[in-house]
Amino acid sequence: MLSKPLVIALLVSLSFNGLFGYLSYAFYGSKQALKSELMQCQQNTLSLEKSVENHRKLCAIQDSISVEWKKEEQEAEKDTESFVEQIVRAVVTKEATSNETKQTYVDMDSSLSPDVVRVLGEACLHSKGSPCSRP
């Protein structure tokens, strides 16, 4: 039969083989779990990159819309100023007498002159895009 040192060496070898087998199995499971988490992180990174790119595009669109809106607002202010000037010119009439200028104003209780009505109608049409109804 086998000698005592040979049996002990065989048992030690079997125990080491069992230990290394178990550790190999445990590390393989950990490795697979880490691989799965790594793949999920890579997918999340790609998703975040797409989200950031979409956000940048959206910011560029918002900037262009803001610039267009400011231009339209400035044009509207200019148009408003011109309409106000036309109304002032239609309401205030200047009569020149010898050396002085005399201003007359329309009575607020009386009806408006046709010129004022026309200018107000144009302003309403310009602002609303459709003719305004008269009360």
N, C-alpha and C. Protein backbone atom coordinates (compact mmCIF):
# COMPACT_ATOMS: atom_id res chain seq x y z
N MET A 1 0.79 -1.16 0.00
CA MET A 1 0.00 0.00 0.00
C MET A 1 0.85 1.25 0.00
N LEU A 2 0.21 2.40 0.19
CA LEU A 2 0.91 3.68 0.09
C LEU A 2 1.49 4.06 1.46
N SER A 3 2.57 4.71 1.39
CA SER A 3 3.19 5.13 2.63
C SER A 3 2.49 6.37 3.19
N LYS A 4 2.72 6.59 4.47
CA LYS A 4 2.05 7.68 5.17
C LYS A 4 2.41 9.05 4.56
N PRO A 5 3.63 9.40 4.22
CA PRO A 5 3.93 10.71 3.63
C PRO A 5 3.29 10.88 2.27
N LEU A 6 3.17 9.79 1.52
CA LEU A 6 2.55 9.86 0.21
C LEU A 6 1.05 10.14 0.34
N VAL A 7 0.38 9.57 1.30
CA VAL A 7 -1.05 9.79 1.55
C VAL A 7 -1.26 11.24 1.98
N ILE A 8 -0.39 11.73 2.83
CA ILE A 8 -0.53 13.13 3.28
C ILE A 8 -0.33 14.07 2.10
N ALA A 9 0.65 13.79 1.27
CA ALA A 9 0.90 14.63 0.09
C ALA A 9 -0.29 14.57 -0.86
N LEU A 10 -0.88 13.38 -1.00
CA LEU A 10 -2.06 13.23 -1.85
C LEU A 10 -3.24 14.03 -1.30
N LEU A 11 -3.46 13.97 0.00
CA LEU A 11 -4.56 14.73 0.62
C LEU A 11 -4.33 16.24 0.50
N VAL A 12 -3.10 16.66 0.70
CA VAL A 12 -2.78 18.10 0.57
C VAL A 12 -3.01 18.54 -0.88
N SER A 13 -2.59 17.70 -1.82
CA SER A 13 -2.78 18.03 -3.23
C SER A 13 -4.27 18.10 -3.57
N LEU A 14 -5.06 17.16 -3.08
CA LEU A 14 -6.51 17.18 -3.33
C LEU A 14 -7.16 18.41 -2.70
N SER A 15 -6.74 18.77 -1.52
CA SER A 15 -7.33 19.95 -0.86
C SER A 15 -6.97 21.23 -1.61
N PHE A 16 -5.69 21.31 -2.09
CA PHE A 16 -5.32 22.49 -2.89
C PHE A 16 -6.10 22.54 -4.21
N ASN A 17 -6.27 21.38 -4.84
CA ASN A 17 -7.05 21.33 -6.08
C ASN A 17 -8.49 21.79 -5.84
N GLY A 18 -9.09 21.34 -4.75
CA GLY A 18 -10.45 21.75 -4.41
C GLY A 18 -10.52 23.26 -4.14
N LEU A 19 -9.52 23.75 -3.39
CA LEU A 19 -9.47 25.18 -3.08
C LEU A 19 -9.34 26.01 -4.35
N PHE A 20 -8.40 25.62 -5.21
CA PHE A 20 -8.21 26.37 -6.46
C PHE A 20 -9.42 26.27 -7.38
N GLY A 21 -10.08 25.13 -7.39
CA GLY A 21 -11.30 24.96 -8.19
C GLY A 21 -12.40 25.89 -7.69
N TYR A 22 -12.57 25.92 -6.37
CA TYR A 22 -13.60 26.82 -5.81
C TYR A 22 -13.27 28.29 -6.09
N LEU A 23 -12.00 28.69 -5.89
CA LEU A 23 -11.61 30.07 -6.14
C LEU A 23 -11.78 30.44 -7.62
N SER A 24 -11.45 29.50 -8.50
CA SER A 24 -11.61 29.73 -9.93
C SER A 24 -13.09 29.95 -10.25
N TYR A 25 -13.95 29.13 -9.69
CA TYR A 25 -15.39 29.27 -9.91
C TYR A 25 -15.90 30.61 -9.36
N ALA A 26 -15.47 30.99 -8.16
CA ALA A 26 -15.91 32.24 -7.53
C ALA A 26 -15.42 33.45 -8.32
N PHE A 27 -14.16 33.41 -8.77
CA PHE A 27 -13.63 34.53 -9.56
C PHE A 27 -14.31 34.62 -10.92
N TYR A 28 -14.66 33.49 -11.50
CA TYR A 28 -15.35 33.50 -12.79
C TYR A 28 -16.72 34.17 -12.66
N GLY A 29 -17.43 33.86 -11.57
CA GLY A 29 -18.74 34.50 -11.33
C GLY A 29 -18.60 36.01 -11.14
N SER A 30 -17.58 36.41 -10.37
CA SER A 30 -17.34 37.85 -10.16
C SER A 30 -16.98 38.53 -11.47
N LYS A 31 -16.15 37.81 -12.27
CA LYS A 31 -15.75 38.37 -13.56
C LYS A 31 -16.97 38.58 -14.46
N GLN A 32 -17.88 37.62 -14.49
CA GLN A 32 -19.07 37.74 -15.32
C GLN A 32 -19.98 38.88 -14.83
N ALA A 33 -20.10 39.03 -13.53
CA ALA A 33 -20.90 40.13 -12.98
C ALA A 33 -20.28 41.47 -13.34
N LEU A 34 -18.97 41.58 -13.25
CA LEU A 34 -18.29 42.83 -13.61
C LEU A 34 -18.41 43.12 -15.09
N LYS A 35 -18.34 42.06 -15.93
CA LYS A 35 -18.52 42.25 -17.37
C LYS A 35 -19.91 42.80 -17.66
N SER A 36 -20.90 42.24 -17.00
CA SER A 36 -22.28 42.69 -17.20
C SER A 36 -22.44 44.16 -16.78
N GLU A 37 -21.88 44.52 -15.65
CA GLU A 37 -21.95 45.91 -15.19
C GLU A 37 -21.20 46.84 -16.13
N LEU A 38 -20.06 46.38 -16.64
CA LEU A 38 -19.27 47.19 -17.57
C LEU A 38 -20.06 47.44 -18.86
N MET A 39 -20.72 46.41 -19.38
CA MET A 39 -21.53 46.57 -20.59
C MET A 39 -22.68 47.55 -20.33
N GLN A 40 -23.30 47.46 -19.17
CA GLN A 40 -24.39 48.38 -18.83
C GLN A 40 -23.87 49.82 -18.73
N CYS A 41 -22.70 49.99 -18.15
CA CYS A 41 -22.10 51.33 -18.06
C CYS A 41 -21.77 51.88 -19.44
N GLN A 42 -21.28 51.03 -20.34
CA GLN A 42 -20.99 51.48 -21.70
C GLN A 42 -22.27 51.91 -22.42
N GLN A 43 -23.34 51.16 -22.24
CA GLN A 43 -24.62 51.54 -22.84
C GLN A 43 -25.13 52.86 -22.26
N ASN A 44 -24.99 53.02 -20.96
CA ASN A 44 -25.40 54.27 -20.33
C ASN A 44 -24.58 55.45 -20.84
N THR A 45 -23.29 55.22 -21.05
CA THR A 45 -22.41 56.28 -21.56
C THR A 45 -22.85 56.70 -22.96
N LEU A 46 -23.14 55.72 -23.82
CA LEU A 46 -23.62 56.04 -25.18
C LEU A 46 -24.94 56.80 -25.13
N SER A 47 -25.81 56.38 -24.24
CA SER A 47 -27.10 57.06 -24.10
C SER A 47 -26.90 58.51 -23.63
N LEU A 48 -26.00 58.71 -22.67
CA LEU A 48 -25.74 60.06 -22.18
C LEU A 48 -25.09 60.92 -23.25
N GLU A 49 -24.20 60.34 -24.07
CA GLU A 49 -23.58 61.10 -25.15
C GLU A 49 -24.62 61.57 -26.15
N LYS A 50 -25.56 60.67 -26.48
CA LYS A 50 -26.64 61.06 -27.40
C LYS A 50 -27.50 62.15 -26.79
N SER A 51 -27.77 62.02 -25.50
CA SER A 51 -28.58 63.03 -24.81
C SER A 51 -27.89 64.38 -24.80
N VAL A 52 -26.58 64.39 -24.56
CA VAL A 52 -25.83 65.65 -24.56
C VAL A 52 -25.83 66.26 -25.95
N GLU A 53 -25.66 65.44 -26.98
CA GLU A 53 -25.66 65.93 -28.35
C GLU A 53 -27.03 66.54 -28.70
N ASN A 54 -28.10 65.85 -28.30
CA ASN A 54 -29.44 66.39 -28.53
C ASN A 54 -29.64 67.70 -27.79
N HIS A 55 -29.12 67.78 -26.59
CA HIS A 55 -29.24 69.02 -25.80
C HIS A 55 -28.49 70.16 -26.48
N ARG A 56 -27.32 69.87 -27.02
CA ARG A 56 -26.56 70.91 -27.72
C ARG A 56 -27.31 71.40 -28.96
N LYS A 57 -27.90 70.46 -29.70
CA LYS A 57 -28.69 70.85 -30.88
C LYS A 57 -29.88 71.70 -30.46
N LEU A 58 -30.52 71.30 -29.37
CA LEU A 58 -31.66 72.06 -28.88
C LEU A 58 -31.24 73.47 -28.47
N CYS A 59 -30.10 73.59 -27.83
CA CYS A 59 -29.61 74.93 -27.44
C CYS A 59 -29.34 75.79 -28.66
N ALA A 60 -28.78 75.19 -29.71
CA ALA A 60 -28.52 75.94 -30.94
C ALA A 60 -29.84 76.41 -31.57
N ILE A 61 -30.84 75.55 -31.57
CA ILE A 61 -32.15 75.93 -32.10
C ILE A 61 -32.77 77.04 -31.27
N GLN A 62 -32.68 76.92 -29.95
CA GLN A 62 -33.22 77.95 -29.07
C GLN A 62 -32.52 79.28 -29.27
N ASP A 63 -31.21 79.24 -29.47
CA ASP A 63 -30.47 80.47 -29.72
C ASP A 63 -30.93 81.13 -31.01
N SER A 64 -31.10 80.34 -32.06
CA SER A 64 -31.54 80.93 -33.34
C SER A 64 -32.96 81.49 -33.22
N ILE A 65 -33.81 80.78 -32.50
CA ILE A 65 -35.18 81.28 -32.30
C ILE A 65 -35.15 82.58 -31.50
N SER A 66 -34.30 82.63 -30.49
CA SER A 66 -34.19 83.85 -29.68
C SER A 66 -33.71 85.03 -30.51
N VAL A 67 -32.73 84.79 -31.38
CA VAL A 67 -32.23 85.87 -32.23
C VAL A 67 -33.33 86.35 -33.18
N GLU A 68 -34.06 85.40 -33.80
CA GLU A 68 -35.15 85.78 -34.70
C GLU A 68 -36.23 86.55 -33.94
N TRP A 69 -36.55 86.09 -32.73
CA TRP A 69 -37.60 86.75 -31.96
C TRP A 69 -37.19 88.18 -31.61
N LYS A 70 -35.92 88.39 -31.25
CA LYS A 70 -35.46 89.74 -30.93
C LYS A 70 -35.52 90.65 -32.15
N LYS A 71 -35.16 90.10 -33.33
CA LYS A 71 -35.26 90.90 -34.55
C LYS A 71 -36.70 91.29 -34.83
N GLU A 72 -37.61 90.32 -34.69
CA GLU A 72 -39.03 90.61 -34.92
C GLU A 72 -39.54 91.62 -33.91
N GLU A 73 -39.07 91.51 -32.67
CA GLU A 73 -39.50 92.45 -31.63
C GLU A 73 -39.02 93.86 -31.96
N GLN A 74 -37.79 93.99 -32.45
CA GLN A 74 -37.28 95.31 -32.82
C GLN A 74 -38.06 95.88 -34.00
N GLU A 75 -38.38 95.01 -34.98
CA GLU A 75 -39.18 95.47 -36.12
C GLU A 75 -40.57 95.91 -35.65
N ALA A 76 -41.16 95.15 -34.73
CA ALA A 76 -42.47 95.52 -34.22
C ALA A 76 -42.42 96.85 -33.47
N GLU A 77 -41.35 97.07 -32.72
CA GLU A 77 -41.21 98.35 -32.01
C GLU A 77 -41.10 99.51 -33.00
N LYS A 78 -40.34 99.29 -34.08
CA LYS A 78 -40.21 100.33 -35.10
C LYS A 78 -41.57 100.61 -35.75
N ASP A 79 -42.30 99.52 -36.07
CA ASP A 79 -43.63 99.69 -36.67
C ASP A 79 -44.57 100.41 -35.71
N THR A 80 -44.49 100.05 -34.45
CA THR A 80 -45.34 100.70 -33.44
C THR A 80 -45.03 102.18 -33.35
N GLU A 81 -43.74 102.50 -33.35
CA GLU A 81 -43.36 103.91 -33.28
C GLU A 81 -43.87 104.68 -34.50
N SER A 82 -43.79 104.03 -35.68
CA SER A 82 -44.28 104.73 -36.88
C SER A 82 -45.79 104.91 -36.82
N PHE A 83 -46.53 103.91 -36.31
CA PHE A 83 -47.98 104.05 -36.18
C PHE A 83 -48.33 105.14 -35.17
N VAL A 84 -47.59 105.19 -34.07
CA VAL A 84 -47.85 106.23 -33.06
C VAL A 84 -47.60 107.61 -33.67
N GLU A 85 -46.53 107.73 -34.43
CA GLU A 85 -46.25 109.01 -35.08
C GLU A 85 -47.35 109.38 -36.06
N GLN A 86 -47.88 108.41 -36.81
CA GLN A 86 -48.97 108.69 -37.74
C GLN A 86 -50.22 109.13 -36.99
N ILE A 87 -50.48 108.48 -35.86
CA ILE A 87 -51.65 108.87 -35.06
C ILE A 87 -51.49 110.28 -34.53
N VAL A 88 -50.29 110.58 -34.03
CA VAL A 88 -50.04 111.92 -33.50
C VAL A 88 -50.20 112.95 -34.61
N ARG A 89 -49.67 112.64 -35.80
CA ARG A 89 -49.81 113.58 -36.91
C ARG A 89 -51.26 113.75 -37.33
N ALA A 90 -52.06 112.67 -37.27
CA ALA A 90 -53.46 112.76 -37.68
C ALA A 90 -54.29 113.50 -36.63
N VAL A 91 -53.96 113.34 -35.36
CA VAL A 91 -54.76 113.97 -34.31
C VAL A 91 -54.40 115.44 -34.14
N VAL A 92 -53.11 115.72 -34.17
CA VAL A 92 -52.66 117.10 -33.95
C VAL A 92 -52.53 117.78 -35.32
N THR A 93 -53.24 118.85 -35.48
CA THR A 93 -53.12 119.62 -36.73
C THR A 93 -52.47 120.95 -36.40
N LYS A 94 -51.60 121.32 -37.26
CA LYS A 94 -50.89 122.58 -37.01
C LYS A 94 -51.43 123.63 -37.98
N GLU A 95 -51.70 124.71 -37.43
CA GLU A 95 -52.12 125.83 -38.25
C GLU A 95 -51.09 126.95 -38.09
N ALA A 96 -50.58 127.36 -39.14
CA ALA A 96 -49.57 128.41 -39.07
C ALA A 96 -50.27 129.77 -39.20
N THR A 97 -50.03 130.61 -38.27
CA THR A 97 -50.50 131.99 -38.35
C THR A 97 -49.27 132.87 -38.37
N SER A 98 -49.42 134.02 -38.66
CA SER A 98 -48.34 134.97 -38.92
C SER A 98 -46.96 134.48 -38.50
N ASN A 99 -46.57 134.56 -37.26
CA ASN A 99 -45.23 134.15 -36.86
C ASN A 99 -45.22 133.02 -35.83
N GLU A 100 -46.40 132.54 -35.42
CA GLU A 100 -46.42 131.51 -34.38
C GLU A 100 -47.18 130.28 -34.87
N THR A 101 -46.90 129.16 -34.26
CA THR A 101 -47.56 127.91 -34.62
C THR A 101 -48.60 127.62 -33.55
N LYS A 102 -49.79 127.24 -34.01
CA LYS A 102 -50.87 126.96 -33.08
C LYS A 102 -51.27 125.49 -33.26
N GLN A 103 -51.40 124.74 -32.14
CA GLN A 103 -51.80 123.34 -32.20
C GLN A 103 -53.23 123.21 -31.72
N THR A 104 -53.99 122.42 -32.44
CA THR A 104 -55.35 122.13 -31.99
C THR A 104 -55.46 120.63 -31.81
N TYR A 105 -56.23 120.21 -30.82
CA TYR A 105 -56.38 118.80 -30.50
C TYR A 105 -57.82 118.39 -30.75
N VAL A 106 -58.01 117.13 -31.06
CA VAL A 106 -59.35 116.60 -31.29
C VAL A 106 -60.00 116.38 -29.93
N ASP A 107 -61.26 116.72 -29.81
CA ASP A 107 -62.00 116.51 -28.58
C ASP A 107 -62.15 115.00 -28.35
N MET A 108 -61.85 114.53 -27.15
CA MET A 108 -61.88 113.09 -26.86
C MET A 108 -63.30 112.53 -26.87
N ASP A 109 -64.31 113.38 -26.66
CA ASP A 109 -65.69 112.90 -26.64
C ASP A 109 -66.30 112.82 -28.04
N SER A 110 -65.68 113.44 -29.00
CA SER A 110 -66.23 113.41 -30.35
C SER A 110 -65.71 112.18 -31.09
N SER A 111 -66.27 111.92 -32.27
CA SER A 111 -65.82 110.77 -33.04
C SER A 111 -64.46 111.07 -33.66
N LEU A 112 -63.73 110.02 -33.96
CA LEU A 112 -62.39 110.18 -34.53
C LEU A 112 -62.48 110.51 -36.01
N SER A 113 -61.46 111.19 -36.48
CA SER A 113 -61.41 111.54 -37.89
C SER A 113 -61.14 110.27 -38.71
N PRO A 114 -61.52 110.30 -39.99
CA PRO A 114 -61.29 109.11 -40.83
C PRO A 114 -59.81 108.72 -40.93
N ASP A 115 -58.90 109.70 -40.91
CA ASP A 115 -57.48 109.38 -40.95
C ASP A 115 -57.04 108.58 -39.72
N VAL A 116 -57.51 108.99 -38.55
CA VAL A 116 -57.16 108.29 -37.31
C VAL A 116 -57.75 106.88 -37.33
N VAL A 117 -58.99 106.74 -37.79
CA VAL A 117 -59.62 105.43 -37.87
C VAL A 117 -58.83 104.53 -38.83
N ARG A 118 -58.39 105.09 -39.95
CA ARG A 118 -57.63 104.32 -40.92
C ARG A 118 -56.30 103.86 -40.32
N VAL A 119 -55.58 104.74 -39.63
CA VAL A 119 -54.29 104.40 -39.03
C VAL A 119 -54.47 103.36 -37.93
N LEU A 120 -55.50 103.50 -37.10
CA LEU A 120 -55.76 102.52 -36.06
C LEU A 120 -56.12 101.17 -36.66
N GLY A 121 -56.88 101.18 -37.75
CA GLY A 121 -57.21 99.94 -38.44
C GLY A 121 -55.98 99.26 -38.99
N GLU A 122 -55.06 100.04 -39.56
CA GLU A 122 -53.81 99.47 -40.08
C GLU A 122 -52.98 98.87 -38.94
N ALA A 123 -52.93 99.57 -37.81
CA ALA A 123 -52.17 99.08 -36.66
C ALA A 123 -52.78 97.78 -36.14
N CYS A 124 -54.09 97.71 -36.08
CA CYS A 124 -54.77 96.51 -35.61
C CYS A 124 -54.52 95.35 -36.59
N LEU A 125 -54.62 95.64 -37.88
CA LEU A 125 -54.40 94.62 -38.90
C LEU A 125 -52.96 94.12 -38.82
N HIS A 126 -52.02 95.02 -38.60
CA HIS A 126 -50.60 94.65 -38.53
C HIS A 126 -50.32 93.80 -37.28
N SER A 127 -50.94 94.15 -36.16
CA SER A 127 -50.65 93.43 -34.92
C SER A 127 -51.37 92.10 -34.84
N LYS A 128 -52.64 92.04 -35.28
CA LYS A 128 -53.42 90.80 -35.17
C LYS A 128 -53.28 89.92 -36.43
N GLY A 129 -53.09 90.56 -37.54
CA GLY A 129 -53.04 89.80 -38.79
C GLY A 129 -54.40 89.69 -39.46
N SER A 130 -55.41 90.23 -38.80
CA SER A 130 -56.76 90.23 -39.40
C SER A 130 -57.43 91.56 -39.01
N PRO A 131 -58.41 92.00 -39.81
CA PRO A 131 -59.06 93.27 -39.48
C PRO A 131 -59.78 93.20 -38.14
N CYS A 132 -59.77 94.31 -37.43
CA CYS A 132 -60.44 94.39 -36.13
C CYS A 132 -61.89 94.82 -36.36
N SER A 133 -62.76 94.33 -35.50
CA SER A 133 -64.17 94.72 -35.62
C SER A 133 -64.39 96.05 -34.90
N ARG A 134 -65.32 96.81 -35.42
CA ARG A 134 -65.63 98.11 -34.81
C ARG A 134 -66.85 97.95 -33.92
N PRO A 135 -66.84 98.54 -32.73
CA PRO A 135 -68.00 98.40 -31.82
C PRO A 135 -69.18 99.22 -32.29
